[in-house]
Amino acid sequence: MKNVIYFILVSLLAFTSCKKDSNPDSTVDLSPTISYSGKVYHTVKIGTQTWLKENLNVGVMIDSLQNQSNNGTIEKYCYNNDTANCNKYGGLYQWNEAMAYDTSEGAKGICPTGWHIPTLAEFLTLVTEVGNDGNKLKREDQGSGSGVGTNISGFSALLAGYRYDDGAFYDLGGHAFFWSSTEYNAPKAYNMTLWYYDSDLTMTNYYKDYGFSIRCLKDN
């Protein structure tokens, strides 16, 4: 009987090892995922925070010459009005659209249920966690020279550029701008900015009519 049990255990271990080793894709991301509006997003734990690893890409694309409006439909810009850029880099959103026209700090906005647009303070917590090193937030294929991403944090930031308030697009591959839910004043809000040429990680404020990326943070 003992011999039979031993044989079964050895066989199970061998099967498990074989199954693991026979996986041809060693780069499969096994991090937890969530499904939202027909898209699967991966998540990453950084310190005490849990972030989406991809920029939000939800809503209907509109032409960049139009302003997004409070019409009951989530609207997005795609860089150069090309949906392929939304699929790769995520959508670009004016602040009010991203916030779902709620000015409350920490609002859910257009994020999935249980997630929200990060506050300035929450972005600063992230900055502290990575030692104020923006390269640790950038994906490895982003940036150049002293600004090449190491992605040690797993945040996987993309330099998605932005939509200017006149409808023009700028800086794809050059900068990343992430809206916070914290207002600077009535016409402006804070954002986190990454640069392609160095590891700077800055908190700036821009007019809410600009189109920036959205990275959602899980509720506590």
C-alpha atoms as a PDB file:
ATOM      1  CA  MET A   1       0.000   0.000   0.000  1.00  0.00           C
ATOM      2  CA  LYS A   2       2.804   2.407   0.883  1.00  0.00           C
ATOM      3  CA  ASN A   3       4.445   1.687  -2.468  1.00  0.00           C
ATOM      4  CA  VAL A   4       1.224   2.530  -4.306  1.00  0.00           C
ATOM      5  CA  ILE A   5       0.830   5.849  -2.447  1.00  0.00           C
ATOM      6  CA  TYR A   6       4.454   6.719  -3.117  1.00  0.00           C
ATOM      7  CA  PHE A   7       4.030   5.969  -6.833  1.00  0.00           C
ATOM      8  CA  ILE A   8       0.933   8.198  -7.020  1.00  0.00           C
ATOM      9  CA  LEU A   9       2.695  11.102  -5.292  1.00  0.00           C
ATOM     10  CA  VAL A  10       5.750  10.845  -7.537  1.00  0.00           C
ATOM     11  CA  SER A  11       3.525  10.719 -10.620  1.00  0.00           C
ATOM     12  CA  LEU A  12       1.603  13.828  -9.556  1.00  0.00           C
ATOM     13  CA  LEU A  13       4.808  15.768  -8.907  1.00  0.00           C
ATOM     14  CA  ALA A  14       6.226  14.745 -12.259  1.00  0.00           C
ATOM     15  CA  PHE A  15       3.006  15.758 -14.046  1.00  0.00           C
ATOM     16  CA  THR A  16       2.972  19.148 -12.345  1.00  0.00           C
ATOM     17  CA  SER A  17       6.628  19.775 -13.178  1.00  0.00           C
ATOM     18  CA  CYS A  18       6.148  18.695 -16.760  1.00  0.00           C
ATOM     19  CA  LYS A  19       3.072  20.877 -17.169  1.00  0.00           C
ATOM     20  CA  LYS A  20       4.931  23.890 -15.782  1.00  0.00           C
ATOM     21  CA  ASP A  21       8.058  23.331 -17.867  1.00  0.00           C
ATOM     22  CA  SER A  22       6.083  22.683 -21.049  1.00  0.00           C
ATOM     23  CA  ASN A  23       4.557  26.159 -20.980  1.00  0.00           C
ATOM     24  CA  PRO A  24       6.065  27.823 -24.082  1.00  0.00           C
ATOM     25  CA  ASP A  25       5.306  31.328 -22.814  1.00  0.00           C
ATOM     26  CA  SER A  26       7.474  32.173 -19.827  1.00  0.00           C
ATOM     27  CA  THR A  27       6.327  35.811 -19.934  1.00  0.00           C
ATOM     28  CA  VAL A  28       2.693  35.175 -19.007  1.00  0.00           C
ATOM     29  CA  ASP A  29       1.534  37.781 -16.483  1.00  0.00           C
ATOM     30  CA  LEU A  30      -0.121  35.969 -13.602  1.00  0.00           C
ATOM     31  CA  SER A  31      -1.028  39.113 -11.649  1.00  0.00           C
ATOM     32  CA  PRO A  32      -4.694  39.507 -10.644  1.00  0.00           C
ATOM     33  CA  THR A  33      -6.962  40.944 -13.320  1.00  0.00           C
ATOM     34  CA  ILE A  34     -10.309  42.705 -13.517  1.00  0.00           C
ATOM     35  CA  SER A  35     -12.721  42.985 -16.432  1.00  0.00           C
ATOM     36  CA  TYR A  36     -14.218  46.362 -17.197  1.00  0.00           C
ATOM     37  CA  SER A  37     -16.218  47.489 -20.200  1.00  0.00           C
ATOM     38  CA  GLY A  38     -15.048  44.576 -22.344  1.00  0.00           C
ATOM     39  CA  LYS A  39     -11.358  44.896 -21.511  1.00  0.00           C
ATOM     40  CA  VAL A  40      -9.139  42.959 -19.108  1.00  0.00           C
ATOM     41  CA  TYR A  41      -6.835  45.027 -16.888  1.00  0.00           C
ATOM     42  CA  HIS A  42      -3.952  43.695 -14.824  1.00  0.00           C
ATOM     43  CA  THR A  43      -3.252  44.997 -11.344  1.00  0.00           C
ATOM     44  CA  VAL A  44      -0.077  45.609  -9.380  1.00  0.00           C
ATOM     45  CA  LYS A  45       0.563  46.100  -5.658  1.00  0.00           C
ATOM     46  CA  ILE A  46       3.052  48.890  -4.933  1.00  0.00           C
ATOM     47  CA  GLY A  47       3.599  49.410  -1.233  1.00  0.00           C
ATOM     48  CA  THR A  48       0.144  49.658   0.344  1.00  0.00           C
ATOM     49  CA  GLN A  49      -1.550  50.654  -2.928  1.00  0.00           C
ATOM     50  CA  THR A  50      -3.050  48.561  -5.720  1.00  0.00           C
ATOM     51  CA  TRP A  51      -3.012  50.114  -9.206  1.00  0.00           C
ATOM     52  CA  LEU A  52      -4.163  49.147 -12.655  1.00  0.00           C
ATOM     53  CA  LYS A  53      -1.121  48.294 -14.780  1.00  0.00           C
ATOM     54  CA  GLU A  54      -2.684  49.720 -17.937  1.00  0.00           C
ATOM     55  CA  ASN A  55      -4.040  53.145 -18.785  1.00  0.00           C
ATOM     56  CA  LEU A  56      -7.802  53.254 -18.832  1.00  0.00           C
ATOM     57  CA  ASN A  57      -9.326  52.740 -22.279  1.00  0.00           C
ATOM     58  CA  VAL A  58     -13.064  53.122 -21.954  1.00  0.00           C
ATOM     59  CA  GLY A  59     -15.685  55.061 -23.891  1.00  0.00           C
ATOM     60  CA  VAL A  60     -16.467  56.149 -27.418  1.00  0.00           C
ATOM     61  CA  MET A  61     -13.798  57.958 -29.421  1.00  0.00           C
ATOM     62  CA  ILE A  62     -14.681  61.477 -30.525  1.00  0.00           C
ATOM     63  CA  ASP A  63     -12.754  63.826 -32.786  1.00  0.00           C
ATOM     64  CA  SER A  64     -10.084  65.781 -30.968  1.00  0.00           C
ATOM     65  CA  LEU A  65     -11.534  69.098 -32.181  1.00  0.00           C
ATOM     66  CA  GLN A  66     -14.603  68.466 -30.003  1.00  0.00           C
ATOM     67  CA  ASN A  67     -14.766  68.905 -26.240  1.00  0.00           C
ATOM     68  CA  GLN A  68     -15.995  65.973 -24.214  1.00  0.00           C
ATOM     69  CA  SER A  69     -19.430  66.639 -22.747  1.00  0.00           C
ATOM     70  CA  ASN A  70     -21.685  65.535 -19.911  1.00  0.00           C
ATOM     71  CA  ASN A  71     -24.082  63.593 -22.112  1.00  0.00           C
ATOM     72  CA  GLY A  72     -24.337  60.254 -20.315  1.00  0.00           C
ATOM     73  CA  THR A  73     -21.745  58.601 -22.595  1.00  0.00           C
ATOM     74  CA  ILE A  74     -18.069  58.243 -21.710  1.00  0.00           C
ATOM     75  CA  GLU A  75     -16.026  59.893 -24.445  1.00  0.00           C
ATOM     76  CA  LYS A  76     -12.310  59.524 -25.118  1.00  0.00           C
ATOM     77  CA  TYR A  77      -9.635  60.878 -27.422  1.00  0.00           C
ATOM     78  CA  CYS A  78      -7.235  58.560 -29.223  1.00  0.00           C
ATOM     79  CA  TYR A  79      -3.857  60.043 -30.139  1.00  0.00           C
ATOM     80  CA  ASN A  80      -3.995  61.341 -33.742  1.00  0.00           C
ATOM     81  CA  ASN A  81      -7.648  60.212 -33.790  1.00  0.00           C
ATOM     82  CA  ASP A  82      -6.400  56.657 -34.326  1.00  0.00           C
ATOM     83  CA  THR A  83      -8.113  53.877 -32.342  1.00  0.00           C
ATOM     84  CA  ALA A  84      -4.925  51.794 -32.538  1.00  0.00           C
ATOM     85  CA  ASN A  85      -3.288  54.319 -30.224  1.00  0.00           C
ATOM     86  CA  CYS A  86      -6.098  53.931 -27.701  1.00  0.00           C
ATOM     87  CA  ASN A  87      -5.627  50.162 -27.820  1.00  0.00           C
ATOM     88  CA  LYS A  88      -1.920  50.558 -27.089  1.00  0.00           C
ATOM     89  CA  TYR A  89      -1.708  53.652 -24.883  1.00  0.00           C
ATOM     90  CA  GLY A  90      -5.233  54.001 -23.494  1.00  0.00           C
ATOM     91  CA  GLY A  91      -7.644  56.869 -23.974  1.00  0.00           C
ATOM     92  CA  LEU A  92      -7.005  60.540 -23.260  1.00  0.00           C
ATOM     93  CA  TYR A  93      -9.585  62.375 -21.163  1.00  0.00           C
ATOM     94  CA  GLN A  94     -10.386  65.912 -20.151  1.00  0.00           C
ATOM     95  CA  TRP A  95     -10.510  66.235 -16.377  1.00  0.00           C
ATOM     96  CA  ASN A  96     -14.267  66.683 -16.045  1.00  0.00           C
ATOM     97  CA  GLU A  97     -14.967  63.680 -18.270  1.00  0.00           C
ATOM     98  CA  ALA A  98     -12.514  61.533 -16.310  1.00  0.00           C
ATOM     99  CA  MET A  99     -14.184  62.596 -13.077  1.00  0.00           C
ATOM    100  CA  ALA A 100     -17.667  61.849 -14.482  1.00  0.00           C
ATOM    101  CA  TYR A 101     -18.458  65.510 -13.745  1.00  0.00           C
ATOM    102  CA  ASP A 102     -17.940  65.041 -10.015  1.00  0.00           C
ATOM    103  CA  THR A 103     -15.441  67.472  -8.481  1.00  0.00           C
ATOM    104  CA  SER A 104     -15.037  65.461  -5.249  1.00  0.00           C
ATOM    105  CA  GLU A 105     -11.448  64.530  -4.480  1.00  0.00           C
ATOM    106  CA  GLY A 106     -11.055  60.766  -4.752  1.00  0.00           C
ATOM    107  CA  ALA A 107     -14.150  60.375  -6.941  1.00  0.00           C
ATOM    108  CA  LYS A 108     -14.759  57.097  -8.775  1.00  0.00           C
ATOM    109  CA  GLY A 109     -15.031  58.985 -12.041  1.00  0.00           C
ATOM    110  CA  ILE A 110     -14.889  56.654 -15.043  1.00  0.00           C
ATOM    111  CA  CYS A 111     -12.946  53.983 -13.127  1.00  0.00           C
ATOM    112  CA  PRO A 112     -14.417  50.529 -12.419  1.00  0.00           C
ATOM    113  CA  THR A 113     -16.505  50.010  -9.305  1.00  0.00           C
ATOM    114  CA  GLY A 114     -14.194  49.700  -6.295  1.00  0.00           C
ATOM    115  CA  TRP A 115     -11.580  51.933  -7.930  1.00  0.00           C
ATOM    116  CA  HIS A 116     -11.126  55.692  -8.202  1.00  0.00           C
ATOM    117  CA  ILE A 117      -9.150  58.552  -9.738  1.00  0.00           C
ATOM    118  CA  PRO A 118      -6.134  58.929  -7.418  1.00  0.00           C
ATOM    119  CA  THR A 119      -5.764  62.059  -5.314  1.00  0.00           C
ATOM    120  CA  LEU A 120      -2.648  64.206  -5.311  1.00  0.00           C
ATOM    121  CA  ALA A 121      -1.756  62.770  -1.889  1.00  0.00           C
ATOM    122  CA  GLU A 122      -2.079  59.216  -3.239  1.00  0.00           C
ATOM    123  CA  PHE A 123       0.208  60.012  -6.162  1.00  0.00           C
ATOM    124  CA  LEU A 124       2.703  61.449  -3.677  1.00  0.00           C
ATOM    125  CA  THR A 125       2.545  58.166  -1.733  1.00  0.00           C
ATOM    126  CA  LEU A 126       3.438  56.357  -4.953  1.00  0.00           C
ATOM    127  CA  VAL A 127       6.291  58.799  -5.596  1.00  0.00           C
ATOM    128  CA  THR A 128       7.692  58.149  -2.132  1.00  0.00           C
ATOM    129  CA  GLU A 129       7.408  54.386  -2.613  1.00  0.00           C
ATOM    130  CA  VAL A 130       9.614  54.500  -5.738  1.00  0.00           C
ATOM    131  CA  GLY A 131      12.076  56.968  -4.223  1.00  0.00           C
ATOM    132  CA  ASN A 132      11.061  59.779  -6.580  1.00  0.00           C
ATOM    133  CA  ASP A 133      12.504  57.770  -9.490  1.00  0.00           C
ATOM    134  CA  GLY A 134      10.228  57.978 -12.516  1.00  0.00           C
ATOM    135  CA  ASN A 135      12.179  55.284 -14.355  1.00  0.00           C
ATOM    136  CA  LYS A 136      10.890  52.756 -11.837  1.00  0.00           C
ATOM    137  CA  LEU A 137       7.359  53.525 -13.045  1.00  0.00           C
ATOM    138  CA  LYS A 138       8.071  53.409 -16.805  1.00  0.00           C
ATOM    139  CA  ARG A 139       7.831  50.249 -18.845  1.00  0.00           C
ATOM    140  CA  GLU A 140      11.207  48.967 -20.015  1.00  0.00           C
ATOM    141  CA  ASP A 141      10.670  50.059 -23.635  1.00  0.00           C
ATOM    142  CA  GLN A 142       9.819  53.638 -22.658  1.00  0.00           C
ATOM    143  CA  GLY A 143      12.211  56.585 -22.485  1.00  0.00           C
ATOM    144  CA  SER A 144      15.804  57.019 -23.656  1.00  0.00           C
ATOM    145  CA  GLY A 145      19.225  57.798 -22.217  1.00  0.00           C
ATOM    146  CA  SER A 146      18.976  58.508 -18.508  1.00  0.00           C
ATOM    147  CA  GLY A 147      15.193  58.266 -18.824  1.00  0.00           C
ATOM    148  CA  VAL A 148      14.913  54.605 -19.865  1.00  0.00           C
ATOM    149  CA  GLY A 149      12.315  52.765 -17.831  1.00  0.00           C
ATOM    150  CA  THR A 150      13.304  49.990 -15.452  1.00  0.00           C
ATOM    151  CA  ASN A 151       9.725  49.232 -14.343  1.00  0.00           C
ATOM    152  CA  ILE A 152      10.984  47.928 -11.011  1.00  0.00           C
ATOM    153  CA  SER A 153       7.624  48.883  -9.508  1.00  0.00           C
ATOM    154  CA  GLY A 154       5.565  47.035 -12.121  1.00  0.00           C
ATOM    155  CA  PHE A 155       3.510  50.190 -12.797  1.00  0.00           C
ATOM    156  CA  SER A 156       4.316  49.851 -16.526  1.00  0.00           C
ATOM    157  CA  ALA A 157       3.758  53.510 -17.445  1.00  0.00           C
ATOM    158  CA  LEU A 158       3.543  54.417 -21.123  1.00  0.00           C
ATOM    159  CA  LEU A 159       4.578  57.786 -22.527  1.00  0.00           C
ATOM    160  CA  ALA A 160       1.172  58.342 -24.107  1.00  0.00           C
ATOM    161  CA  GLY A 161       1.457  62.059 -24.869  1.00  0.00           C
ATOM    162  CA  TYR A 162      -1.541  64.363 -24.516  1.00  0.00           C
ATOM    163  CA  ARG A 163      -4.306  66.256 -26.273  1.00  0.00           C
ATOM    164  CA  TYR A 164      -3.892  70.052 -26.123  1.00  0.00           C
ATOM    165  CA  ASP A 165      -6.900  72.273 -25.469  1.00  0.00           C
ATOM    166  CA  ASP A 166      -7.059  73.277 -29.154  1.00  0.00           C
ATOM    167  CA  GLY A 167      -7.458  69.644 -30.237  1.00  0.00           C
ATOM    168  CA  ALA A 168      -3.858  68.999 -31.327  1.00  0.00           C
ATOM    169  CA  PHE A 169      -1.837  66.024 -30.042  1.00  0.00           C
ATOM    170  CA  TYR A 170       1.713  66.209 -28.728  1.00  0.00           C
ATOM    171  CA  ASP A 171       4.552  64.171 -27.225  1.00  0.00           C
ATOM    172  CA  LEU A 172       3.641  60.561 -27.934  1.00  0.00           C
ATOM    173  CA  GLY A 173       6.678  58.674 -26.634  1.00  0.00           C
ATOM    174  CA  GLY A 174       7.878  61.842 -24.940  1.00  0.00           C
ATOM    175  CA  HIS A 175       5.776  62.411 -21.829  1.00  0.00           C
ATOM    176  CA  ALA A 176       3.104  60.795 -19.708  1.00  0.00           C
ATOM    177  CA  PHE A 177       0.480  62.849 -17.893  1.00  0.00           C
ATOM    178  CA  PHE A 178      -1.877  61.218 -15.383  1.00  0.00           C
ATOM    179  CA  TRP A 179      -4.801  63.201 -14.006  1.00  0.00           C
ATOM    180  CA  SER A 180      -5.368  63.278 -10.264  1.00  0.00           C
ATOM    181  CA  SER A 181      -8.767  63.971  -8.743  1.00  0.00           C
ATOM    182  CA  THR A 182      -7.398  66.977  -6.830  1.00  0.00           C
ATOM    183  CA  GLU A 183      -8.207  70.436  -8.144  1.00  0.00           C
ATOM    184  CA  TYR A 184      -5.572  73.160  -8.175  1.00  0.00           C
ATOM    185  CA  ASN A 185      -8.231  75.792  -8.751  1.00  0.00           C
ATOM    186  CA  ALA A 186     -11.443  76.069 -10.767  1.00  0.00           C
ATOM    187  CA  PRO A 187      -9.841  75.815 -14.244  1.00  0.00           C
ATOM    188  CA  LYS A 188      -6.908  73.536 -13.335  1.00  0.00           C
ATOM    189  CA  ALA A 189      -6.188  70.176 -11.674  1.00  0.00           C
ATOM    190  CA  TYR A 190      -3.050  68.381 -10.494  1.00  0.00           C
ATOM    191  CA  ASN A 191      -1.398  65.593 -12.440  1.00  0.00           C
ATOM    192  CA  MET A 192       1.650  63.340 -12.267  1.00  0.00           C
ATOM    193  CA  THR A 193       4.143  63.779 -15.109  1.00  0.00           C
ATOM    194  CA  LEU A 194       6.878  61.462 -16.428  1.00  0.00           C
ATOM    195  CA  TRP A 195       9.565  62.502 -18.956  1.00  0.00           C
ATOM    196  CA  TYR A 196      11.333  60.475 -21.641  1.00  0.00           C
ATOM    197  CA  TYR A 197      14.827  61.951 -21.149  1.00  0.00           C
ATOM    198  CA  ASP A 198      15.340  61.605 -17.372  1.00  0.00           C
ATOM    199  CA  SER A 199      13.957  60.029 -14.220  1.00  0.00           C
ATOM    200  CA  ASP A 200      12.118  63.139 -13.038  1.00  0.00           C
ATOM    201  CA  LEU A 201       8.742  62.516 -11.463  1.00  0.00           C
ATOM    202  CA  THR A 202       6.824  65.739 -10.972  1.00  0.00           C
ATOM    203  CA  MET A 203       3.457  66.950  -9.774  1.00  0.00           C
ATOM    204  CA  THR A 204       2.183  69.734 -11.977  1.00  0.00           C
ATOM    205  CA  ASN A 205      -1.143  71.386 -12.728  1.00  0.00           C
ATOM    206  CA  TYR A 206      -2.755  71.965 -16.103  1.00  0.00           C
ATOM    207  CA  TYR A 207      -6.017  73.220 -17.517  1.00  0.00           C
ATOM    208  CA  LYS A 208      -8.811  70.692 -17.252  1.00  0.00           C
ATOM    209  CA  ASP A 209      -9.471  70.915 -21.004  1.00  0.00           C
ATOM    210  CA  TYR A 210      -6.239  69.038 -21.744  1.00  0.00           C
ATOM    211  CA  GLY A 211      -6.590  65.327 -22.538  1.00  0.00           C
ATOM    212  CA  PHE A 212      -4.469  63.167 -20.229  1.00  0.00           C
ATOM    213  CA  SER A 213      -4.180  59.488 -19.318  1.00  0.00           C
ATOM    214  CA  ILE A 214      -6.073  57.880 -16.438  1.00  0.00           C
ATOM    215  CA  ARG A 215      -4.631  55.258 -14.115  1.00  0.00           C
ATOM    216  CA  CYS A 216      -7.122  53.982 -11.548  1.00  0.00           C
ATOM    217  CA  LEU A 217      -6.318  53.174  -7.910  1.00  0.00           C
ATOM    218  CA  LYS A 218      -8.155  50.563  -5.860  1.00  0.00           C
ATOM    219  CA  ASP A 219     -10.282  51.781  -2.970  1.00  0.00           C
ATOM    220  CA  ASN A 220      -8.985  51.012   0.509  1.00  0.00           C
END
